[in-house]
Amino acid sequence: IVLVLAKKNGIPTIEQFAIDICKHFMTTFCQVAYVKTYV
């Protein structure tokens, strides 16, 4: 998922990329209660 998001969205900034990853897991998987991403 991380690699696909990098391909589709690029990495405009590492902060935005971390936000994109968090949002993807929260909006895609209803069983996720918490997500943390370090870049």
PDB file of all heavy atoms in Angstrom:
ATOM      1  N   ILE A   1       0.838  -1.201   0.000  1.00  0.00           N
ATOM      2  CA  ILE A   1       0.000   0.000   0.000  1.00  0.00           C
ATOM      3  C   ILE A   1       0.870   1.247   0.000  1.00  0.00           C
ATOM      4  O   ILE A   1       0.616   2.209  -0.732  1.00  0.00           O
ATOM      5  CB  ILE A   1      -0.949  -0.017   1.214  1.00  0.00           C
ATOM      6  CG1 ILE A   1      -2.064  -1.046   0.988  1.00  0.00           C
ATOM      7  CG2 ILE A   1      -1.553   1.363   1.461  1.00  0.00           C
ATOM      8  CD1 ILE A   1      -2.931  -1.287   2.216  1.00  0.00           C
ATOM      9  N   VAL A   2       1.915   1.251   0.825  1.00  0.00           N
ATOM     10  CA  VAL A   2       2.829   2.396   0.871  1.00  0.00           C
ATOM     11  C   VAL A   2       3.457   2.635  -0.502  1.00  0.00           C
ATOM     12  O   VAL A   2       3.527   3.775  -0.989  1.00  0.00           O
ATOM     13  CB  VAL A   2       3.913   2.169   1.939  1.00  0.00           C
ATOM     14  CG1 VAL A   2       5.019   3.215   1.822  1.00  0.00           C
ATOM     15  CG2 VAL A   2       3.297   2.200   3.333  1.00  0.00           C
ATOM     16  N   LEU A   3       3.902   1.558  -1.157  1.00  0.00           N
ATOM     17  CA  LEU A   3       4.534   1.702  -2.471  1.00  0.00           C
ATOM     18  C   LEU A   3       3.535   2.181  -3.522  1.00  0.00           C
ATOM     19  O   LEU A   3       3.862   3.010  -4.377  1.00  0.00           O
ATOM     20  CB  LEU A   3       5.158   0.370  -2.885  1.00  0.00           C
ATOM     21  CG  LEU A   3       6.294  -0.148  -1.992  1.00  0.00           C
ATOM     22  CD1 LEU A   3       6.748  -1.528  -2.447  1.00  0.00           C
ATOM     23  CD2 LEU A   3       7.465   0.818  -1.984  1.00  0.00           C
ATOM     24  N   VAL A   4       2.303   1.671  -3.464  1.00  0.00           N
ATOM     25  CA  VAL A   4       1.279   2.085  -4.427  1.00  0.00           C
ATOM     26  C   VAL A   4       0.923   3.556  -4.236  1.00  0.00           C
ATOM     27  O   VAL A   4       0.766   4.309  -5.210  1.00  0.00           O
ATOM     28  CB  VAL A   4       0.029   1.190  -4.304  1.00  0.00           C
ATOM     29  CG1 VAL A   4      -1.133   1.789  -5.074  1.00  0.00           C
ATOM     30  CG2 VAL A   4       0.340  -0.213  -4.817  1.00  0.00           C
ATOM     31  N   LEU A   5       0.797   3.988  -2.995  1.00  0.00           N
ATOM     32  CA  LEU A   5       0.503   5.407  -2.738  1.00  0.00           C
ATOM     33  C   LEU A   5       1.633   6.294  -3.246  1.00  0.00           C
ATOM     34  O   LEU A   5       1.386   7.393  -3.768  1.00  0.00           O
ATOM     35  CB  LEU A   5       0.276   5.633  -1.241  1.00  0.00           C
ATOM     36  CG  LEU A   5      -1.019   5.073  -0.664  1.00  0.00           C
ATOM     37  CD1 LEU A   5      -1.041   5.228   0.850  1.00  0.00           C
ATOM     38  CD2 LEU A   5      -2.237   5.753  -1.290  1.00  0.00           C
ATOM     39  N   ALA A   6       2.876   5.844  -3.099  1.00  0.00           N
ATOM     40  CA  ALA A   6       4.003   6.615  -3.628  1.00  0.00           C
ATOM     41  C   ALA A   6       3.926   6.717  -5.145  1.00  0.00           C
ATOM     42  O   ALA A   6       4.219   7.766  -5.725  1.00  0.00           O
ATOM     43  CB  ALA A   6       5.324   5.976  -3.201  1.00  0.00           C
ATOM     44  N   LYS A   7       3.519   5.619  -5.785  1.00  0.00           N
ATOM     45  CA  LYS A   7       3.396   5.629  -7.251  1.00  0.00           C
ATOM     46  C   LYS A   7       2.251   6.531  -7.691  1.00  0.00           C
ATOM     47  O   LYS A   7       2.400   7.347  -8.621  1.00  0.00           O
ATOM     48  CB  LYS A   7       3.157   4.206  -7.740  1.00  0.00           C
ATOM     49  CG  LYS A   7       2.819   4.090  -9.223  1.00  0.00           C
ATOM     50  CD  LYS A   7       3.987   4.542 -10.109  1.00  0.00           C
ATOM     51  CE  LYS A   7       3.723   4.268 -11.585  1.00  0.00           C
ATOM     52  NZ  LYS A   7       2.679   5.118 -12.158  1.00  0.00           N
ATOM     53  N   LYS A   8       1.081   6.424  -7.040  1.00  0.00           N
ATOM     54  CA  LYS A   8      -0.100   7.162  -7.482  1.00  0.00           C
ATOM     55  C   LYS A   8      -0.049   8.640  -7.098  1.00  0.00           C
ATOM     56  O   LYS A   8      -0.394   9.510  -7.901  1.00  0.00           O
ATOM     57  CB  LYS A   8      -1.366   6.518  -6.904  1.00  0.00           C
ATOM     58  CG  LYS A   8      -1.707   5.162  -7.513  1.00  0.00           C
ATOM     59  CD  LYS A   8      -3.020   4.642  -6.942  1.00  0.00           C
ATOM     60  CE  LYS A   8      -3.463   3.358  -7.626  1.00  0.00           C
ATOM     61  NZ  LYS A   8      -4.752   2.858  -7.073  1.00  0.00           N
ATOM     62  N   ASN A   9       0.361   8.927  -5.866  1.00  0.00           N
ATOM     63  CA  ASN A   9       0.293  10.300  -5.357  1.00  0.00           C
ATOM     64  C   ASN A   9       1.616  11.043  -5.411  1.00  0.00           C
ATOM     65  O   ASN A   9       1.642  12.269  -5.291  1.00  0.00           O
ATOM     66  CB  ASN A   9      -0.194  10.306  -3.897  1.00  0.00           C
ATOM     67  CG  ASN A   9      -1.560   9.689  -3.728  1.00  0.00           C
ATOM     68  OD1 ASN A   9      -2.264   9.453  -4.705  1.00  0.00           O
ATOM     69  ND2 ASN A   9      -1.946   9.427  -2.495  1.00  0.00           N
ATOM     70  N   GLY A  10       2.719  10.300  -5.570  1.00  0.00           N
ATOM     71  CA  GLY A  10       4.018  10.928  -5.439  1.00  0.00           C
ATOM     72  C   GLY A  10       4.275  11.297  -3.984  1.00  0.00           C
ATOM     73  O   GLY A  10       3.507  10.946  -3.082  1.00  0.00           O
ATOM     74  N   ILE A  11       5.379  12.016  -3.753  1.00  0.00           N
ATOM     75  CA  ILE A  11       5.717  12.463  -2.401  1.00  0.00           C
ATOM     76  C   ILE A  11       5.990  13.965  -2.470  1.00  0.00           C
ATOM     77  O   ILE A  11       7.154  14.399  -2.532  1.00  0.00           O
ATOM     78  CB  ILE A  11       6.945  11.704  -1.847  1.00  0.00           C
ATOM     79  CG1 ILE A  11       6.742  10.192  -1.947  1.00  0.00           C
ATOM     80  CG2 ILE A  11       7.209  12.097  -0.382  1.00  0.00           C
ATOM     81  CD1 ILE A  11       7.940   9.380  -1.503  1.00  0.00           C
ATOM     82  N   PRO A  12       4.932  14.784  -2.490  1.00  0.00           N
ATOM     83  CA  PRO A  12       5.156  16.234  -2.546  1.00  0.00           C
ATOM     84  C   PRO A  12       5.963  16.731  -1.359  1.00  0.00           C
ATOM     85  O   PRO A  12       6.849  17.566  -1.495  1.00  0.00           O
ATOM     86  CB  PRO A  12       3.737  16.806  -2.563  1.00  0.00           C
ATOM     87  CG  PRO A  12       2.845  15.708  -2.057  1.00  0.00           C
ATOM     88  CD  PRO A  12       3.496  14.439  -2.456  1.00  0.00           C
ATOM     89  N   THR A  13       5.632  16.228  -0.157  1.00  0.00           N
ATOM     90  CA  THR A  13       6.448  16.401   1.047  1.00  0.00           C
ATOM     91  C   THR A  13       6.298  15.129   1.859  1.00  0.00           C
ATOM     92  O   THR A  13       5.311  14.392   1.697  1.00  0.00           O
ATOM     93  CB  THR A  13       5.989  17.597   1.913  1.00  0.00           C
ATOM     94  OG1 THR A  13       4.685  17.326   2.446  1.00  0.00           O
ATOM     95  CG2 THR A  13       5.948  18.888   1.108  1.00  0.00           C
ATOM     96  N   ILE A  14       7.258  14.857   2.743  1.00  0.00           N
ATOM     97  CA  ILE A  14       7.132  13.641   3.551  1.00  0.00           C
ATOM     98  C   ILE A  14       5.958  13.758   4.506  1.00  0.00           C
ATOM     99  O   ILE A  14       5.318  12.751   4.839  1.00  0.00           O
ATOM    100  CB  ILE A  14       8.435  13.327   4.302  1.00  0.00           C
ATOM    101  CG1 ILE A  14       8.843  14.454   5.258  1.00  0.00           C
ATOM    102  CG2 ILE A  14       9.560  13.008   3.325  1.00  0.00           C
ATOM    103  CD1 ILE A  14      10.010  14.080   6.176  1.00  0.00           C
ATOM    104  N   GLU A  15       5.632  14.991   4.930  1.00  0.00           N
ATOM    105  CA  GLU A  15       4.485  15.175   5.810  1.00  0.00           C
ATOM    106  C   GLU A  15       3.187  14.816   5.098  1.00  0.00           C
ATOM    107  O   GLU A  15       2.340  14.109   5.646  1.00  0.00           O
ATOM    108  CB  GLU A  15       4.421  16.625   6.312  1.00  0.00           C
ATOM    109  CG  GLU A  15       5.521  17.023   7.269  1.00  0.00           C
ATOM    110  CD  GLU A  15       6.776  17.521   6.580  1.00  0.00           C
ATOM    111  OE1 GLU A  15       6.867  17.433   5.337  1.00  0.00           O
ATOM    112  OE2 GLU A  15       7.683  18.001   7.276  1.00  0.00           O
ATOM    113  N   GLN A  16       3.031  15.282   3.866  1.00  0.00           N
ATOM    114  CA  GLN A  16       1.826  14.978   3.110  1.00  0.00           C
ATOM    115  C   GLN A  16       1.732  13.489   2.813  1.00  0.00           C
ATOM    116  O   GLN A  16       0.635  12.901   2.818  1.00  0.00           O
ATOM    117  CB  GLN A  16       1.794  15.781   1.806  1.00  0.00           C
ATOM    118  CG  GLN A  16       0.496  15.619   1.017  1.00  0.00           C
ATOM    119  CD  GLN A  16      -0.727  16.037   1.810  1.00  0.00           C
ATOM    120  OE1 GLN A  16      -0.794  17.153   2.322  1.00  0.00           O
ATOM    121  NE2 GLN A  16      -1.706  15.144   1.932  1.00  0.00           N
ATOM    122  N   PHE A  17       2.866  12.852   2.553  1.00  0.00           N
ATOM    123  CA  PHE A  17       2.875  11.418   2.286  1.00  0.00           C
ATOM    124  C   PHE A  17       2.428  10.641   3.529  1.00  0.00           C
ATOM    125  O   PHE A  17       1.639   9.692   3.436  1.00  0.00           O
ATOM    126  CB  PHE A  17       4.265  10.981   1.840  1.00  0.00           C
ATOM    127  CG  PHE A  17       4.335   9.552   1.364  1.00  0.00           C
ATOM    128  CD1 PHE A  17       3.464   9.082   0.396  1.00  0.00           C
ATOM    129  CD2 PHE A  17       5.281   8.677   1.874  1.00  0.00           C
ATOM    130  CE1 PHE A  17       3.519   7.768  -0.058  1.00  0.00           C
ATOM    131  CE2 PHE A  17       5.359   7.374   1.438  1.00  0.00           C
ATOM    132  CZ  PHE A  17       4.474   6.909   0.474  1.00  0.00           C
ATOM    133  N   ALA A  18       2.912  11.055   4.712  1.00  0.00           N
ATOM    134  CA  ALA A  18       2.485  10.401   5.956  1.00  0.00           C
ATOM    135  C   ALA A  18       0.985  10.573   6.173  1.00  0.00           C
ATOM    136  O   ALA A  18       0.293   9.637   6.591  1.00  0.00           O
ATOM    137  CB  ALA A  18       3.269  10.967   7.139  1.00  0.00           C
ATOM    138  N   ILE A  19       0.471  11.754   5.870  1.00  0.00           N
ATOM    139  CA  ILE A  19      -0.974  12.008   5.974  1.00  0.00           C
ATOM    140  C   ILE A  19      -1.749  11.112   5.017  1.00  0.00           C
ATOM    141  O   ILE A  19      -2.767  10.522   5.370  1.00  0.00           O
ATOM    142  CB  ILE A  19      -1.271  13.493   5.696  1.00  0.00           C
ATOM    143  CG1 ILE A  19      -0.720  14.368   6.833  1.00  0.00           C
ATOM    144  CG2 ILE A  19      -2.764  13.736   5.526  1.00  0.00           C
ATOM    145  CD1 ILE A  19      -0.748  15.851   6.534  1.00  0.00           C
ATOM    146  N   ASP A  20      -1.251  10.992   3.772  1.00  0.00           N
ATOM    147  CA  ASP A  20      -1.914  10.139   2.778  1.00  0.00           C
ATOM    148  C   ASP A  20      -1.999   8.691   3.257  1.00  0.00           C
ATOM    149  O   ASP A  20      -3.023   8.023   3.071  1.00  0.00           O
ATOM    150  CB  ASP A  20      -1.156  10.197   1.443  1.00  0.00           C
ATOM    151  CG  ASP A  20      -1.288  11.539   0.748  1.00  0.00           C
ATOM    152  OD1 ASP A  20      -2.158  12.343   1.143  1.00  0.00           O
ATOM    153  OD2 ASP A  20      -0.507  11.797  -0.195  1.00  0.00           O
ATOM    154  N   ILE A  21      -0.923   8.193   3.867  1.00  0.00           N
ATOM    155  CA  ILE A  21      -0.905   6.816   4.345  1.00  0.00           C
ATOM    156  C   ILE A  21      -1.933   6.631   5.466  1.00  0.00           C
ATOM    157  O   ILE A  21      -2.723   5.674   5.459  1.00  0.00           O
ATOM    158  CB  ILE A  21       0.513   6.434   4.826  1.00  0.00           C
ATOM    159  CG1 ILE A  21       1.493   6.425   3.651  1.00  0.00           C
ATOM    160  CG2 ILE A  21       0.487   5.061   5.508  1.00  0.00           C
ATOM    161  CD1 ILE A  21       2.946   6.284   4.056  1.00  0.00           C
ATOM    162  N   CYS A  22      -1.927   7.552   6.427  1.00  0.00           N
ATOM    163  CA  CYS A  22      -2.890   7.446   7.532  1.00  0.00           C
ATOM    164  C   CYS A  22      -4.325   7.476   7.022  1.00  0.00           C
ATOM    165  O   CYS A  22      -5.164   6.661   7.429  1.00  0.00           O
ATOM    166  CB  CYS A  22      -2.666   8.587   8.523  1.00  0.00           C
ATOM    167  SG  CYS A  22      -1.245   8.369   9.607  1.00  0.00           S
ATOM    168  N   LYS A  23      -4.624   8.408   6.127  1.00  0.00           N
ATOM    169  CA  LYS A  23      -5.981   8.536   5.606  1.00  0.00           C
ATOM    170  C   LYS A  23      -6.403   7.289   4.838  1.00  0.00           C
ATOM    171  O   LYS A  23      -7.566   6.869   4.912  1.00  0.00           O
ATOM    172  CB  LYS A  23      -6.084   9.780   4.729  1.00  0.00           C
ATOM    173  CG  LYS A  23      -6.083  11.086   5.517  1.00  0.00           C
ATOM    174  CD  LYS A  23      -6.302  12.292   4.614  1.00  0.00           C
ATOM    175  CE  LYS A  23      -6.437  13.571   5.430  1.00  0.00           C
ATOM    176  NZ  LYS A  23      -6.635  14.759   4.567  1.00  0.00           N
ATOM    177  N   HIS A  24      -5.467   6.696   4.099  1.00  0.00           N
ATOM    178  CA  HIS A  24      -5.810   5.498   3.335  1.00  0.00           C
ATOM    179  C   HIS A  24      -6.241   4.367   4.261  1.00  0.00           C
ATOM    180  O   HIS A  24      -7.283   3.722   4.032  1.00  0.00           O
ATOM    181  CB  HIS A  24      -4.619   5.045   2.489  1.00  0.00           C
ATOM    182  CG  HIS A  24      -4.897   3.807   1.701  1.00  0.00           C
ATOM    183  ND1 HIS A  24      -5.488   3.829   0.461  1.00  0.00           N
ATOM    184  CD2 HIS A  24      -4.706   2.486   1.998  1.00  0.00           C
ATOM    185  CE1 HIS A  24      -5.634   2.589   0.016  1.00  0.00           C
ATOM    186  NE2 HIS A  24      -5.160   1.757   0.936  1.00  0.00           N
ATOM    187  N   PHE A  25      -5.482   4.103   5.320  1.00  0.00           N
ATOM    188  CA  PHE A  25      -5.833   3.001   6.215  1.00  0.00           C
ATOM    189  C   PHE A  25      -7.128   3.286   6.967  1.00  0.00           C
ATOM    190  O   PHE A  25      -7.939   2.383   7.183  1.00  0.00           O
ATOM    191  CB  PHE A  25      -4.679   2.734   7.194  1.00  0.00           C
ATOM    192  CG  PHE A  25      -3.557   1.938   6.583  1.00  0.00           C
ATOM    193  CD1 PHE A  25      -2.395   2.565   6.161  1.00  0.00           C
ATOM    194  CD2 PHE A  25      -3.679   0.572   6.414  1.00  0.00           C
ATOM    195  CE1 PHE A  25      -1.366   1.830   5.589  1.00  0.00           C
ATOM    196  CE2 PHE A  25      -2.663  -0.180   5.845  1.00  0.00           C
ATOM    197  CZ  PHE A  25      -1.497   0.464   5.422  1.00  0.00           C
ATOM    198  N   MET A  26      -7.341   4.545   7.340  1.00  0.00           N
ATOM    199  CA  MET A  26      -8.561   4.891   8.070  1.00  0.00           C
ATOM    200  C   MET A  26      -9.810   4.795   7.199  1.00  0.00           C
ATOM    201  O   MET A  26     -10.873   4.378   7.653  1.00  0.00           O
ATOM    202  CB  MET A  26      -8.449   6.312   8.650  1.00  0.00           C
ATOM    203  CG  MET A  26      -7.803   6.368  10.009  1.00  0.00           C
ATOM    204  SD  MET A  26      -8.783   5.467  11.238  1.00  0.00           S
ATOM    205  CE  MET A  26      -7.671   5.509  12.620  1.00  0.00           C
ATOM    206  N   THR A  27      -9.701   5.185   5.965  1.00  0.00           N
ATOM    207  CA  THR A  27     -10.876   5.206   5.088  1.00  0.00           C
ATOM    208  C   THR A  27     -11.112   3.879   4.380  1.00  0.00           C
ATOM    209  O   THR A  27     -12.225   3.629   3.908  1.00  0.00           O
ATOM    210  CB  THR A  27     -10.736   6.316   4.037  1.00  0.00           C
ATOM    211  OG1 THR A  27      -9.531   6.121   3.276  1.00  0.00           O
ATOM    212  CG2 THR A  27     -10.689   7.688   4.693  1.00  0.00           C
ATOM    213  N   THR A  28     -10.107   3.015   4.305  1.00  0.00           N
ATOM    214  CA  THR A  28     -10.231   1.761   3.557  1.00  0.00           C
ATOM    215  C   THR A  28     -10.602   0.581   4.437  1.00  0.00           C
ATOM    216  O   THR A  28     -11.334  -0.316   4.014  1.00  0.00           O
ATOM    217  CB  THR A  28      -8.909   1.454   2.816  1.00  0.00           C
ATOM    218  OG1 THR A  28      -8.550   2.578   2.004  1.00  0.00           O
ATOM    219  CG2 THR A  28      -9.051   0.220   1.936  1.00  0.00           C
ATOM    220  N   PHE A  29     -10.127   0.572   5.678  1.00  0.00           N
ATOM    221  CA  PHE A  29     -10.288  -0.607   6.541  1.00  0.00           C
ATOM    222  C   PHE A  29     -11.068  -0.209   7.796  1.00  0.00           C
ATOM    223  O   PHE A  29     -10.564   0.522   8.654  1.00  0.00           O
ATOM    224  CB  PHE A  29      -8.922  -1.170   6.936  1.00  0.00           C
ATOM    225  CG  PHE A  29      -8.058  -1.538   5.764  1.00  0.00           C
ATOM    226  CD1 PHE A  29      -7.043  -0.688   5.344  1.00  0.00           C
ATOM    227  CD2 PHE A  29      -8.254  -2.722   5.080  1.00  0.00           C
ATOM    228  CE1 PHE A  29      -6.230  -1.016   4.269  1.00  0.00           C
ATOM    229  CE2 PHE A  29      -7.460  -3.069   3.998  1.00  0.00           C
ATOM    230  CZ  PHE A  29      -6.444  -2.216   3.582  1.00  0.00           C
ATOM    231  N   CYS A  30     -12.275  -0.717   7.918  1.00  0.00           N
ATOM    232  CA  CYS A  30     -13.120  -0.365   9.068  1.00  0.00           C
ATOM    233  C   CYS A  30     -12.606  -0.981  10.365  1.00  0.00           C
ATOM    234  O   CYS A  30     -12.982  -0.550  11.460  1.00  0.00           O
ATOM    235  CB  CYS A  30     -14.567  -0.781   8.816  1.00  0.00           C
ATOM    236  SG  CYS A  30     -14.794  -2.558   8.579  1.00  0.00           S
ATOM    237  N   GLN A  31     -11.745  -2.009  10.282  1.00  0.00           N
ATOM    238  CA  GLN A  31     -11.228  -2.650  11.494  1.00  0.00           C
ATOM    239  C   GLN A  31     -10.025  -1.918  12.087  1.00  0.00           C
ATOM    240  O   GLN A  31      -9.527  -2.293  13.151  1.00  0.00           O
ATOM    241  CB  GLN A  31     -10.840  -4.111  11.216  1.00  0.00           C
ATOM    242  CG  GLN A  31      -9.612  -4.314  10.331  1.00  0.00           C
ATOM    243  CD  GLN A  31      -9.978  -4.483   8.876  1.00  0.00           C
ATOM    244  OE1 GLN A  31     -10.812  -3.754   8.363  1.00  0.00           O
ATOM    245  NE2 GLN A  31      -9.366  -5.448   8.220  1.00  0.00           N
ATOM    246  N   VAL A  32      -9.561  -0.853  11.437  1.00  0.00           N
ATOM    247  CA  VAL A  32      -8.413  -0.089  11.945  1.00  0.00           C
ATOM    248  C   VAL A  32      -8.908   0.958  12.936  1.00  0.00           C
ATOM    249  O   VAL A  32      -9.713   1.817  12.595  1.00  0.00           O
ATOM    250  CB  VAL A  32      -7.632   0.580  10.798  1.00  0.00           C
ATOM    251  CG1 VAL A  32      -6.567   1.525  11.350  1.00  0.00           C
ATOM    252  CG2 VAL A  32      -6.984  -0.488   9.913  1.00  0.00           C
ATOM    253  N   ALA A  33      -8.415   0.872  14.183  1.00  0.00           N
ATOM    254  CA  ALA A  33      -8.795   1.839  15.218  1.00  0.00           C
ATOM    255  C   ALA A  33      -7.779   2.955  15.354  1.00  0.00           C
ATOM    256  O   ALA A  33      -8.111   4.052  15.823  1.00  0.00           O
ATOM    257  CB  ALA A  33      -8.947   1.132  16.561  1.00  0.00           C
ATOM    258  N   TYR A  34      -6.540   2.683  14.963  1.00  0.00           N
ATOM    259  CA  TYR A  34      -5.460   3.662  15.137  1.00  0.00           C
ATOM    260  C   TYR A  34      -4.368   3.364  14.125  1.00  0.00           C
ATOM    261  O   TYR A  34      -4.052   2.195  13.856  1.00  0.00           O
ATOM    262  CB  TYR A  34      -4.911   3.565  16.562  1.00  0.00           C
ATOM    263  CG  TYR A  34      -3.633   4.330  16.806  1.00  0.00           C
ATOM    264  CD1 TYR A  34      -3.643   5.689  17.102  1.00  0.00           C
ATOM    265  CD2 TYR A  34      -2.394   3.684  16.764  1.00  0.00           C
ATOM    266  CE1 TYR A  34      -2.466   6.390  17.347  1.00  0.00           C
ATOM    267  CE2 TYR A  34      -1.209   4.369  17.004  1.00  0.00           C
ATOM    268  CZ  TYR A  34      -1.243   5.727  17.292  1.00  0.00           C
ATOM    269  OH  TYR A  34      -0.079   6.409  17.525  1.00  0.00           O
ATOM    270  N   VAL A  35      -3.806   4.416  13.563  1.00  0.00           N
ATOM    271  CA  VAL A  35      -2.691   4.254  12.631  1.00  0.00           C
ATOM    272  C   VAL A  35      -1.634   5.297  12.945  1.00  0.00           C
ATOM    273  O   VAL A  35      -1.945   6.450  13.275  1.00  0.00           O
ATOM    274  CB  VAL A  35      -3.163   4.368  11.157  1.00  0.00           C
ATOM    275  CG1 VAL A  35      -3.856   5.696  10.896  1.00  0.00           C
ATOM    276  CG2 VAL A  35      -1.987   4.196  10.197  1.00  0.00           C
ATOM    277  N   LYS A  36      -0.401   4.864  12.874  1.00  0.00           N
ATOM    278  CA  LYS A  36       0.734   5.766  13.065  1.00  0.00           C
ATOM    279  C   LYS A  36       1.755   5.507  11.976  1.00  0.00           C
ATOM    280  O   LYS A  36       2.118   4.353  11.715  1.00  0.00           O
ATOM    281  CB  LYS A  36       1.377   5.560  14.438  1.00  0.00           C
ATOM    282  CG  LYS A  36       2.551   6.486  14.712  1.00  0.00           C
ATOM    283  CD  LYS A  36       3.084   6.299  16.135  1.00  0.00           C
ATOM    284  CE  LYS A  36       4.220   7.261  16.432  1.00  0.00           C
ATOM    285  NZ  LYS A  36       4.720   7.101  17.833  1.00  0.00           N
ATOM    286  N   THR A  37       2.215   6.570  11.330  1.00  0.00           N
ATOM    287  CA  THR A  37       3.167   6.449  10.237  1.00  0.00           C
ATOM    288  C   THR A  37       4.361   7.357  10.486  1.00  0.00           C
ATOM    289  O   THR A  37       4.197   8.543  10.800  1.00  0.00           O
ATOM    290  CB  THR A  37       2.518   6.818   8.896  1.00  0.00           C
ATOM    291  OG1 THR A  37       1.451   5.914   8.626  1.00  0.00           O
ATOM    292  CG2 THR A  37       3.524   6.731   7.763  1.00  0.00           C
ATOM    293  N   TYR A  38       5.539   6.781  10.341  1.00  0.00           N
ATOM    294  CA  TYR A  38       6.796   7.527  10.473  1.00  0.00           C
ATOM    295  C   TYR A  38       7.480   7.527   9.113  1.00  0.00           C
ATOM    296  O   TYR A  38       7.588   6.492   8.453  1.00  0.00           O
ATOM    297  CB  TYR A  38       7.699   6.860  11.511  1.00  0.00           C
ATOM    298  CG  TYR A  38       9.104   7.423  11.589  1.00  0.00           C
ATOM    299  CD1 TYR A  38       9.397   8.485  12.431  1.00  0.00           C
ATOM    300  CD2 TYR A  38      10.130   6.888  10.819  1.00  0.00           C
ATOM    301  CE1 TYR A  38      10.682   9.008  12.500  1.00  0.00           C
ATOM    302  CE2 TYR A  38      11.417   7.398  10.886  1.00  0.00           C
ATOM    303  CZ  TYR A  38      11.681   8.457  11.736  1.00  0.00           C
ATOM    304  OH  TYR A  38      12.957   8.974  11.792  1.00  0.00           O
ATOM    305  N   VAL A  39       7.943   8.695   8.689  1.00  0.00           N
ATOM    306  CA  VAL A  39       8.651   8.819   7.406  1.00  0.00           C
ATOM    307  C   VAL A  39       9.910   9.650   7.634  1.00  0.00           C
ATOM    308  O   VAL A  39       9.845  10.734   8.230  1.00  0.00           O
ATOM    309  CB  VAL A  39       7.789   9.507   6.328  1.00  0.00           C
ATOM    310  CG1 VAL A  39       8.520   9.500   4.982  1.00  0.00           C
ATOM    311  CG2 VAL A  39       6.434   8.836   6.195  1.00  0.00           C
TER     312      VAL A  39
END
